[in-house]
Each structure stands twice: as structure tokens, then as C-alpha cells.
C-alpha atoms as a PDB file:
ATOM      1  CA  MET A   1     158.069 102.643  37.395  1.00  0.00           C
ATOM      2  CA  SER A   2     155.598 104.737  39.468  1.00  0.00           C
ATOM      3  CA  LYS A   3     157.038 106.266  42.380  1.00  0.00           C
ATOM      4  CA  GLY A   4     153.656 105.980  44.258  1.00  0.00           C
ATOM      5  CA  TYR A   5     152.582 107.872  46.785  1.00  0.00           C
ATOM      6  CA  GLY A   6     155.929 107.310  49.276  1.00  0.00           C
ATOM      7  CA  ASP A   7     158.016 109.673  47.340  1.00  0.00           C
ATOM      8  CA  ALA A   8     157.928 113.256  46.898  1.00  0.00           C
ATOM      9  CA  ASP A   9     155.454 113.188  43.760  1.00  0.00           C
ATOM     10  CA  GLY A  10     152.500 111.637  45.738  1.00  0.00           C
ATOM     11  CA  HIS A  11     150.987 114.894  46.536  1.00  0.00           C
ATOM     12  CA  VAL A  12     150.933 115.752  42.870  1.00  0.00           C
ATOM     13  CA  LEU A  13     149.573 112.557  42.110  1.00  0.00           C
ATOM     14  CA  ALA A  14     146.830 112.973  44.617  1.00  0.00           C
ATOM     15  CA  GLU A  15     145.821 116.456  43.433  1.00  0.00           C
ATOM     16  CA  ALA A  16     145.472 114.970  40.027  1.00  0.00           C
ATOM     17  CA  PHE A  17     143.141 112.338  40.947  1.00  0.00           C
ATOM     18  CA  HIS A  18     140.761 114.848  43.274  1.00  0.00           C
ATOM     19  CA  VAL A  19     140.736 117.198  40.245  1.00  0.00           C
ATOM     20  CA  GLN A  20     139.934 114.291  38.170  1.00  0.00           C
ATOM     21  CA  ASP A  21     137.014 113.187  40.485  1.00  0.00           C
ATOM     22  CA  SER A  22     136.008 116.715  41.183  1.00  0.00           C
ATOM     23  CA  LEU A  23     135.407 117.198  37.443  1.00  0.00           C
ATOM     24  CA  ALA A  24     133.428 113.859  37.415  1.00  0.00           C
ATOM     25  CA  MET A  25     131.112 115.604  40.058  1.00  0.00           C
ATOM     26  CA  HIS A  26     130.808 118.593  38.480  1.00  0.00           C
ATOM     27  CA  ALA A  27     129.942 116.527  35.095  1.00  0.00           C
ATOM     28  CA  MET A  28     127.002 114.590  37.051  1.00  0.00           C
ATOM     29  CA  ARG A  29     125.341 117.814  38.659  1.00  0.00           C
ATOM     30  CA  LYS A  30     125.247 119.440  35.579  1.00  0.00           C
ATOM     31  CA  LEU A  31     123.375 116.567  34.103  1.00  0.00           C
ATOM     32  CA  ALA A  32     121.417 116.678  37.194  1.00  0.00           C
ATOM     33  CA  ASN A  33     120.559 120.481  36.973  1.00  0.00           C
ATOM     34  CA  ASP A  34     120.040 120.317  33.167  1.00  0.00           C
ATOM     35  CA  ASN A  35     117.484 117.367  33.832  1.00  0.00           C
ATOM     36  CA  GLU A  36     119.259 114.985  31.625  1.00  0.00           C
ATOM     37  CA  THR A  37     119.386 112.297  34.106  1.00  0.00           C
ATOM     38  CA  GLY A  38     117.139 109.176  33.580  1.00  0.00           C
ATOM     39  CA  ILE A  39     117.890 108.732  30.285  1.00  0.00           C
ATOM     40  CA  CYS A  40     119.749 105.774  29.254  1.00  0.00           C
ATOM     41  CA  LYS A  41     122.852 106.621  27.343  1.00  0.00           C
ATOM     42  CA  SER A  42     122.858 103.300  25.319  1.00  0.00           C
ATOM     43  CA  CYS A  43     119.303 102.664  24.301  1.00  0.00           C
ATOM     44  CA  GLU A  44     118.054 106.100  25.085  1.00  0.00           C
ATOM     45  CA  PHE A  45     114.865 105.236  26.951  1.00  0.00           C
ATOM     46  CA  PRO A  46     113.629 106.698  30.428  1.00  0.00           C
ATOM     47  CA  ILE A  47     115.641 104.905  33.432  1.00  0.00           C
ATOM     48  CA  PRO A  48     112.880 103.570  35.748  1.00  0.00           C
ATOM     49  CA  GLU A  49     112.366 105.709  38.822  1.00  0.00           C
ATOM     50  CA  ALA A  50     112.633 103.099  41.139  1.00  0.00           C
ATOM     51  CA  ARG A  51     116.459 102.470  39.823  1.00  0.00           C
ATOM     52  CA  LEU A  52     117.273 106.038  40.082  1.00  0.00           C
ATOM     53  CA  LYS A  53     116.043 105.939  43.767  1.00  0.00           C
ATOM     54  CA  VAL A  54     118.470 103.291  44.185  1.00  0.00           C
ATOM     55  CA  VAL A  55     121.449 104.597  41.832  1.00  0.00           C
ATOM     56  CA  PRO A  56     120.786 108.366  41.759  1.00  0.00           C
ATOM     57  CA  ASN A  57     123.802 108.509  39.020  1.00  0.00           C
ATOM     58  CA  ALA A  58     122.438 105.597  36.750  1.00  0.00           C
ATOM     59  CA  LYS A  59     123.497 105.831  33.492  1.00  0.00           C
ATOM     60  CA  TYR A  60     121.979 102.677  31.959  1.00  0.00           C
ATOM     61  CA  CYS A  61     118.556 101.063  32.515  1.00  0.00           C
ATOM     62  CA  VAL A  62     118.414  97.685  34.108  1.00  0.00           C
ATOM     63  CA  GLN A  63     118.675  95.522  30.768  1.00  0.00           C
ATOM     64  CA  CYS A  64     121.332  97.686  29.327  1.00  0.00           C
ATOM     65  CA  GLN A  65     123.370  97.978  32.443  1.00  0.00           C
ATOM     66  CA  ALA A  66     123.086  93.918  32.683  1.00  0.00           C
ATOM     67  CA  SER A  67     124.672  93.786  28.948  1.00  0.00           C
ATOM     68  CA  HIS A  68     127.268  96.375  29.881  1.00  0.00           C
ATOM     69  CA  ASP A  69     128.280  94.060  32.830  1.00  0.00           C
ATOM     70  CA  LYS A  70     129.225  91.094  30.642  1.00  0.00           C
ATOM     71  CA  ARG A  71     131.693  93.138  29.045  1.00  0.00           C
ATOM     72  CA  PRO A  72     135.222  91.935  29.981  1.00  0.00           C
ATOM     73  CA  LEU A  73     136.692  94.167  32.699  1.00  0.00           C
ATOM     74  CA  THR A  74     139.370  96.364  32.529  1.00  0.00           C
ATOM     75  CA  PHE A  75     140.938  98.173  35.907  1.00  0.00           C
ATOM     76  CA  ALA A  76     142.704 101.310  36.546  1.00  0.00           C
ATOM     77  CA  CYS A  77     143.557 100.728  39.721  1.00  0.00           C
ATOM     78  CA  ARG A  78     144.559 103.645  41.918  1.00  0.00           C
ATOM     79  CA  ASN A  79     145.148 104.366  45.679  1.00  0.00           C
ATOM     80  CA  ILE A  80     143.474 107.704  47.089  1.00  0.00           C
ATOM     81  CA  TYR A  81     144.811 108.822  50.333  1.00  0.00           C
ATOM     82  CA  VAL A  82     142.316 111.531  52.583  1.00  0.00           C
ATOM     83  CA  PRO A  83     144.127 112.813  55.353  1.00  0.00           C
END
């Protein structure tokens, strides 16, 4: 069973999640710098500019996002505490 943030290992978990989030942000910035944003990861057609203005990190076009949203959800729950 997880000890959670109340125990001594809480700072280790928080640091691990921070690293994971930082790596995701770095990957998103790399895609933007390589001009690979704006292409749907499903159909590989360009994502409309209006959608990118609303959702700058959109991975899917509107149609593919709608079909992606219909899939069953799986939850990865975590608590993030930022002092």
C-alpha cells in the first residue's frame, strides 16, 4: 500500500512526479521548436489554426479528438503538492 505524502517518502514521490511533468513539458517544447505541432497524431492531417489557438498543445484534430474522447477512461490519480 502506498505511504502517500504524509510519510517520509512523500518528497521522493513529489520529486518523481515533478521530473515526469518536466520531461513532458520539454518534449512539448521540442515539438514546437521542430515545427511538428499542428499535425494530428491519428490522421496526420493539419490541425486547424483556430483549434491550436484555443488548445496550443492539441495532439488531435477535432474529429480524431471526438473519437478519442469516446474511448473508456482510465485514471491515473496523483496528488501534487506545491509549497
